[in-house]
Amino acid sequence: MLAQLNMNRNAYLNEAIAFYNRHQKRRLLAARLRTESALVADTSMEVLAEMEAIADEQILHEN
């Protein structure tokens, strides 16, 4: 395979390791994002409910 890629063994291994490291970094980042999103989901919904209540109050006072 290395002959077909016109690449020496060391360069091939370095490229494979770099690819694997990028893949793992993205995987870990995705897991972190899922965890942190779950942590803030409840707070985000509370803020949304409060803002909707304020908007509803403003509409009531305008009429």
C-alpha atoms as a PDB file:
ATOM      1  CA  MET A   1       0.000   0.000   0.000  1.00  0.00           C
ATOM      2  CA  LEU A   2       2.815   2.407   0.780  1.00  0.00           C
ATOM      3  CA  ALA A   3       4.181   1.997  -2.734  1.00  0.00           C
ATOM      4  CA  GLN A   4       0.781   2.898  -4.187  1.00  0.00           C
ATOM      5  CA  LEU A   5       0.657   6.030  -2.028  1.00  0.00           C
ATOM      6  CA  ASN A   6       4.265   6.854  -2.905  1.00  0.00           C
ATOM      7  CA  MET A   7       5.004   7.399   0.760  1.00  0.00           C
ATOM      8  CA  ASN A   8       7.535   6.016   3.196  1.00  0.00           C
ATOM      9  CA  ARG A   9       6.448   4.000   6.218  1.00  0.00           C
ATOM     10  CA  ASN A  10       7.296   6.690   8.771  1.00  0.00           C
ATOM     11  CA  ALA A  11       5.328   9.402   6.924  1.00  0.00           C
ATOM     12  CA  TYR A  12       2.374   7.036   6.572  1.00  0.00           C
ATOM     13  CA  LEU A  13       2.374   6.254  10.297  1.00  0.00           C
ATOM     14  CA  ASN A  14       2.695   9.930  11.216  1.00  0.00           C
ATOM     15  CA  GLU A  15      -0.260  10.790   8.995  1.00  0.00           C
ATOM     16  CA  ALA A  16      -2.330   7.918  10.418  1.00  0.00           C
ATOM     17  CA  ILE A  17      -1.588   8.972  13.996  1.00  0.00           C
ATOM     18  CA  ALA A  18      -2.414  12.622  13.223  1.00  0.00           C
ATOM     19  CA  PHE A  19      -5.720  11.534  11.671  1.00  0.00           C
ATOM     20  CA  TYR A  20      -6.549   9.344  14.676  1.00  0.00           C
ATOM     21  CA  ASN A  21      -5.712  12.171  17.098  1.00  0.00           C
ATOM     22  CA  ARG A  22      -7.988  14.604  15.209  1.00  0.00           C
ATOM     23  CA  HIS A  23     -10.766  12.012  15.219  1.00  0.00           C
ATOM     24  CA  GLN A  24     -10.426  11.398  18.966  1.00  0.00           C
ATOM     25  CA  LYS A  25     -10.309  15.124  19.699  1.00  0.00           C
ATOM     26  CA  ARG A  26     -13.573  15.640  17.771  1.00  0.00           C
ATOM     27  CA  ARG A  27     -15.147  12.666  19.559  1.00  0.00           C
ATOM     28  CA  LEU A  28     -14.175  14.003  22.984  1.00  0.00           C
ATOM     29  CA  LEU A  29     -15.363  17.491  22.067  1.00  0.00           C
ATOM     30  CA  ALA A  30     -18.738  16.114  20.957  1.00  0.00           C
ATOM     31  CA  ALA A  31     -19.107  14.232  24.252  1.00  0.00           C
ATOM     32  CA  ARG A  32     -18.219  17.377  26.198  1.00  0.00           C
ATOM     33  CA  LEU A  33     -20.730  19.403  24.201  1.00  0.00           C
ATOM     34  CA  ARG A  34     -23.487  16.846  24.896  1.00  0.00           C
ATOM     35  CA  THR A  35     -22.693  16.918  28.623  1.00  0.00           C
ATOM     36  CA  GLU A  36     -22.553  20.697  28.871  1.00  0.00           C
ATOM     37  CA  SER A  37     -25.693  21.127  26.767  1.00  0.00           C
ATOM     38  CA  ALA A  38     -27.571  18.825  29.124  1.00  0.00           C
ATOM     39  CA  LEU A  39     -26.348  20.867  32.101  1.00  0.00           C
ATOM     40  CA  VAL A  40     -27.687  24.159  30.735  1.00  0.00           C
ATOM     41  CA  ALA A  41     -30.881  22.849  29.140  1.00  0.00           C
ATOM     42  CA  ASP A  42     -33.036  23.298  32.258  1.00  0.00           C
ATOM     43  CA  THR A  43     -31.723  26.812  32.889  1.00  0.00           C
ATOM     44  CA  SER A  44     -32.318  27.769  29.271  1.00  0.00           C
ATOM     45  CA  MET A  45     -35.924  26.604  29.496  1.00  0.00           C
ATOM     46  CA  GLU A  46     -36.418  28.606  32.717  1.00  0.00           C
ATOM     47  CA  VAL A  47     -35.059  31.757  31.068  1.00  0.00           C
ATOM     48  CA  LEU A  48     -37.307  31.194  28.058  1.00  0.00           C
ATOM     49  CA  ALA A  49     -40.362  30.806  30.308  1.00  0.00           C
ATOM     50  CA  GLU A  50     -39.485  34.012  32.172  1.00  0.00           C
ATOM     51  CA  MET A  51     -39.055  35.959  28.942  1.00  0.00           C
ATOM     52  CA  GLU A  52     -42.360  34.653  27.606  1.00  0.00           C
ATOM     53  CA  ALA A  53     -44.061  35.711  30.855  1.00  0.00           C
ATOM     54  CA  ILE A  54     -42.615  39.223  30.512  1.00  0.00           C
ATOM     55  CA  ALA A  55     -43.762  39.410  26.898  1.00  0.00           C
ATOM     56  CA  ASP A  56     -47.248  38.205  27.905  1.00  0.00           C
ATOM     57  CA  GLU A  57     -47.419  40.856  30.647  1.00  0.00           C
ATOM     58  CA  GLN A  58     -46.440  43.580  28.189  1.00  0.00           C
ATOM     59  CA  ILE A  59     -49.154  42.459  25.764  1.00  0.00           C
ATOM     60  CA  LEU A  60     -51.760  42.488  28.564  1.00  0.00           C
ATOM     61  CA  HIS A  61     -50.757  46.000  29.655  1.00  0.00           C
ATOM     62  CA  GLU A  62     -50.934  47.308  26.079  1.00  0.00           C
ATOM     63  CA  ASN A  63     -54.562  46.205  25.683  1.00  0.00           C
END
